[in-house]
Protein backbone atom coordinates (compact mmCIF):
# COMPACT_ATOMS: atom_id res chain seq x y z
CA UNK A 1 95.79 2.81 4.71
CA UNK A 2 93.10 4.29 6.53
CA UNK A 3 89.32 3.24 6.55
CA UNK A 4 87.70 5.73 3.94
CA UNK A 5 90.37 4.87 1.49
CA UNK A 6 89.94 0.85 2.09
CA UNK A 7 86.44 1.55 1.28
CA UNK A 8 87.00 3.72 -1.75
CA UNK A 9 88.97 0.91 -2.92
CA UNK A 10 86.68 -1.57 -2.43
CA UNK A 11 83.78 0.24 -4.09
CA UNK A 12 86.23 0.74 -7.17
CA UNK A 13 86.87 -2.95 -6.94
CA UNK A 14 82.85 -3.43 -7.02
CA UNK A 15 82.41 -1.09 -9.77
CA UNK A 16 85.10 -2.70 -11.82
CA UNK A 17 83.54 -6.39 -11.54
CA UNK A 18 80.22 -4.91 -12.24
CA UNK A 19 81.12 -3.13 -15.54
CA UNK A 20 82.78 -6.44 -16.63
CA UNK A 21 80.15 -8.24 -15.67
CA UNK A 22 77.66 -5.92 -17.71
CA UNK A 23 79.92 -6.10 -20.63
CA UNK A 24 80.05 -9.82 -20.61
CA UNK A 25 76.02 -10.38 -20.40
CA UNK A 26 75.58 -7.91 -23.23
CA UNK A 27 77.97 -9.31 -25.61
CA UNK A 28 76.41 -12.60 -24.67
CA UNK A 29 73.14 -11.56 -25.29
CA UNK A 30 73.82 -9.90 -28.54
CA UNK A 31 75.59 -13.36 -29.79
CA UNK A 32 72.58 -15.40 -28.55
CA UNK A 33 72.69 -18.62 -26.53
CA UNK A 34 74.61 -20.90 -29.56
CA UNK A 35 77.16 -18.08 -29.78
CA UNK A 36 78.64 -18.06 -26.19
CA UNK A 37 82.19 -19.19 -27.58
CA UNK A 38 82.28 -16.56 -29.67
CA UNK A 39 82.35 -14.47 -26.38
CA UNK A 40 86.03 -13.62 -26.13
CA UNK A 41 87.90 -12.30 -23.21
CA UNK A 42 89.66 -9.47 -24.93
CA UNK A 43 86.13 -8.74 -26.35
CA UNK A 44 84.64 -8.14 -22.84
CA UNK A 45 87.77 -6.43 -21.38
CA UNK A 46 87.72 -4.27 -24.20
CA UNK A 47 83.79 -3.35 -23.70
CA UNK A 48 84.48 -2.78 -20.17
CA UNK A 49 87.37 -0.33 -20.57
CA UNK A 50 89.66 -2.61 -18.61
CA UNK A 51 92.87 -4.68 -19.93
CA UNK A 52 92.52 -8.72 -20.47
CA UNK A 53 94.83 -8.59 -17.20
CA UNK A 54 92.53 -7.06 -15.14
CA UNK A 55 89.49 -9.06 -16.30
CA UNK A 56 91.67 -12.45 -15.50
CA UNK A 57 92.15 -10.47 -11.73
CA UNK A 58 88.33 -10.80 -11.31
CA UNK A 59 86.92 -13.63 -13.51
CA UNK A 60 88.23 -17.19 -14.18
CA UNK A 61 85.91 -17.75 -17.07
CA UNK A 62 83.15 -15.82 -19.21
CA UNK A 63 80.60 -17.74 -17.14
CA UNK A 64 81.41 -16.71 -14.14
CA UNK A 65 81.85 -13.20 -15.49
CA UNK A 66 78.31 -13.56 -16.68
CA UNK A 67 76.40 -14.71 -13.65
CA UNK A 68 78.48 -12.51 -11.13
CA UNK A 69 75.58 -10.59 -10.54
CA UNK A 70 73.30 -13.35 -9.31
CA UNK A 71 76.41 -14.74 -6.97
CA UNK A 72 76.76 -11.19 -5.67
CA UNK A 73 73.09 -11.24 -4.73
CA UNK A 74 73.37 -14.91 -3.26
CA UNK A 75 76.31 -13.64 -0.95
CA UNK A 76 74.18 -10.71 0.57
CA UNK A 77 70.89 -12.90 1.31
CA UNK A 78 71.90 -13.69 4.58
CA UNK A 79 72.69 -10.36 5.78
CA UNK A 80 69.54 -8.76 4.18
CA UNK A 81 67.76 -11.14 6.53
CA UNK A 82 69.65 -9.86 9.23
CA UNK A 83 68.80 -6.34 8.65
CA UNK A 84 65.19 -6.82 9.03
CA UNK A 85 63.37 -6.32 12.15
CA UNK A 86 63.64 -8.28 15.22
CA UNK A 87 60.15 -8.85 16.04
CA UNK A 88 59.22 -9.88 12.59
CA UNK A 89 58.20 -13.39 11.73
CA UNK A 90 60.38 -15.53 10.16
CA UNK A 91 58.31 -15.95 7.16
CA UNK A 92 57.54 -12.37 6.36
CA UNK A 93 61.25 -11.32 7.24
CA UNK A 94 62.54 -13.84 5.06
CA UNK A 95 59.98 -13.28 1.85
CA UNK A 96 60.63 -9.40 2.71
CA UNK A 97 64.59 -9.58 2.61
CA UNK A 98 64.72 -11.93 -0.76
CA UNK A 99 62.24 -9.97 -2.52
CA UNK A 100 64.00 -6.65 -1.73
CA UNK A 101 67.68 -7.90 -2.76
CA UNK A 102 65.96 -9.84 -5.81
CA UNK A 103 63.77 -7.18 -7.30
CA UNK A 104 65.46 -3.90 -6.91
CA UNK A 105 65.93 -3.38 -9.68
CA UNK A 106 63.89 -5.74 -11.45
CA UNK A 107 65.61 -8.62 -12.97
CA UNK A 108 66.63 -7.86 -16.88
CA UNK A 109 64.54 -10.37 -18.90
CA UNK A 110 67.08 -10.79 -21.53
CA UNK A 111 69.68 -11.37 -19.50
CA UNK A 112 68.37 -14.09 -17.20
CA UNK A 113 66.64 -15.61 -20.45
CA UNK A 114 69.83 -15.96 -21.87
CA UNK A 115 71.39 -17.62 -18.60
CA UNK A 116 68.55 -19.92 -18.14
CA UNK A 117 68.44 -21.16 -21.75
CA UNK A 118 72.28 -21.62 -21.80
CA UNK A 119 73.36 -24.90 -20.12
CA UNK A 120 77.06 -23.73 -19.60
CA UNK A 121 75.58 -20.31 -17.93
CA UNK A 122 72.62 -22.07 -16.22
CA UNK A 123 75.08 -24.26 -14.51
CA UNK A 124 77.13 -21.33 -13.07
CA UNK A 125 74.07 -19.43 -12.10
CA UNK A 126 73.22 -22.75 -10.15
CA UNK A 127 76.34 -21.97 -8.10
CA UNK A 128 75.84 -18.75 -7.73
CA UNK A 129 71.97 -19.43 -6.18
CA UNK A 130 73.57 -22.23 -3.93
CA UNK A 131 76.28 -19.40 -2.55
CA UNK A 132 72.88 -18.22 -1.00
CA UNK A 133 72.87 -21.57 1.37
CA UNK A 134 75.19 -20.80 3.65
CA UNK A 135 74.90 -17.45 4.81
CA UNK A 136 71.19 -17.41 4.66
CA UNK A 137 71.00 -20.83 6.88
CA UNK A 138 73.37 -19.02 9.73
CA UNK A 139 70.94 -15.84 9.20
CA UNK A 140 68.13 -18.10 9.93
CA UNK A 141 69.58 -20.14 12.85
CA UNK A 142 70.18 -16.65 14.71
CA UNK A 143 67.00 -15.38 13.87
CA UNK A 144 65.31 -18.48 15.63
CA UNK A 145 68.00 -19.76 18.24
CA UNK A 146 68.12 -22.60 16.55
CA UNK A 147 71.78 -24.69 16.43
CA UNK A 148 72.19 -25.78 13.14
CA UNK A 149 74.25 -28.45 14.16
CA UNK A 150 71.55 -30.25 16.11
CA UNK A 151 68.43 -29.25 13.64
CA UNK A 152 68.05 -29.39 10.06
CA UNK A 153 65.62 -26.56 9.75
CA UNK A 154 67.92 -23.57 8.94
CA UNK A 155 69.82 -25.26 6.52
CA UNK A 156 66.93 -26.97 4.61
CA UNK A 157 64.72 -23.78 4.81
CA UNK A 158 67.82 -21.82 3.01
CA UNK A 159 68.20 -24.43 0.35
CA UNK A 160 64.54 -24.46 -0.21
CA UNK A 161 64.47 -20.68 -0.56
CA UNK A 162 67.57 -20.84 -2.75
CA UNK A 163 65.45 -23.28 -5.18
CA UNK A 164 61.94 -20.98 -5.06
CA UNK A 165 64.30 -18.32 -6.26
CA UNK A 166 65.65 -20.39 -9.32
CA UNK A 167 62.17 -21.53 -10.20
CA UNK A 168 60.65 -17.99 -9.80
CA UNK A 169 63.03 -16.79 -12.31
CA UNK A 170 62.26 -19.96 -14.87
CA UNK A 171 58.54 -19.52 -14.35
CA UNK A 172 58.77 -15.43 -15.09
CA UNK A 173 60.39 -15.76 -18.14
CA UNK A 174 57.73 -18.23 -19.34
CA UNK A 175 55.58 -16.54 -22.36
CA UNK A 176 52.86 -14.54 -21.12
CA UNK A 177 54.06 -13.76 -17.53
CA UNK A 178 54.46 -10.23 -17.99
CA UNK A 179 53.86 -8.90 -14.18
CA UNK A 180 56.64 -8.01 -11.75
CA UNK A 181 59.03 -10.69 -10.57
CA UNK A 182 58.37 -9.33 -7.01
CA UNK A 183 54.66 -10.95 -7.68
CA UNK A 184 56.15 -14.43 -8.83
CA UNK A 185 58.76 -14.57 -6.45
CA UNK A 186 56.84 -13.81 -3.15
CA UNK A 187 54.33 -16.71 -4.45
CA UNK A 188 57.33 -19.40 -5.09
CA UNK A 189 58.63 -18.14 -1.60
CA UNK A 190 54.88 -18.62 0.02
CA UNK A 191 55.19 -22.30 -1.01
CA UNK A 192 58.06 -23.16 0.92
CA UNK A 193 58.96 -20.95 3.85
CA UNK A 194 56.80 -21.90 6.93
CA UNK A 195 55.71 -19.34 9.77
CA UNK A 196 57.64 -20.27 11.99
CA UNK A 197 59.86 -23.35 13.01
CA UNK A 198 59.00 -26.17 14.72
CA UNK A 199 58.47 -26.33 18.26
CA UNK A 200 58.51 -22.51 18.58
């Protein structure tokens, strides 16, 4: 299989994954926080235009399907930091990378609210946000030249960023917070991102 065909196959798989995830989240919102158990795999598959078998090839649970967008974003956060200009200070690079990744597009309030208000989904979302830590720590280590095996800075900073993203989402959903999520996220990240690592 040539490279173009492989790229097309990967894109088609991602489109299918996103269609299933969107259908699962839409059905969950319709049922409400107490009705998650009523969202069946067959309903999700039908809404996404796939077979239940195809659904099972992508996801092992409803919760995983509903929270897959968060998981996909988290997997890309390290790559987003690596794409920032080399000379950009660490704090600005991390904040810019995270804001671009998590606010384009703006989070869906109804969907995020459903996830944050349902214990089973919140647990799955927490796992998704935690996925950001490893790739982000590696990117921070590469950017700063710090050996993550000898210094806690990359891992601790990555964990703080993942926590700030989650807290920003919860804060943004509070009544009266109608401004852009980017503003809330920037404020949260500014609380935890140092301008430069120790000794630099």
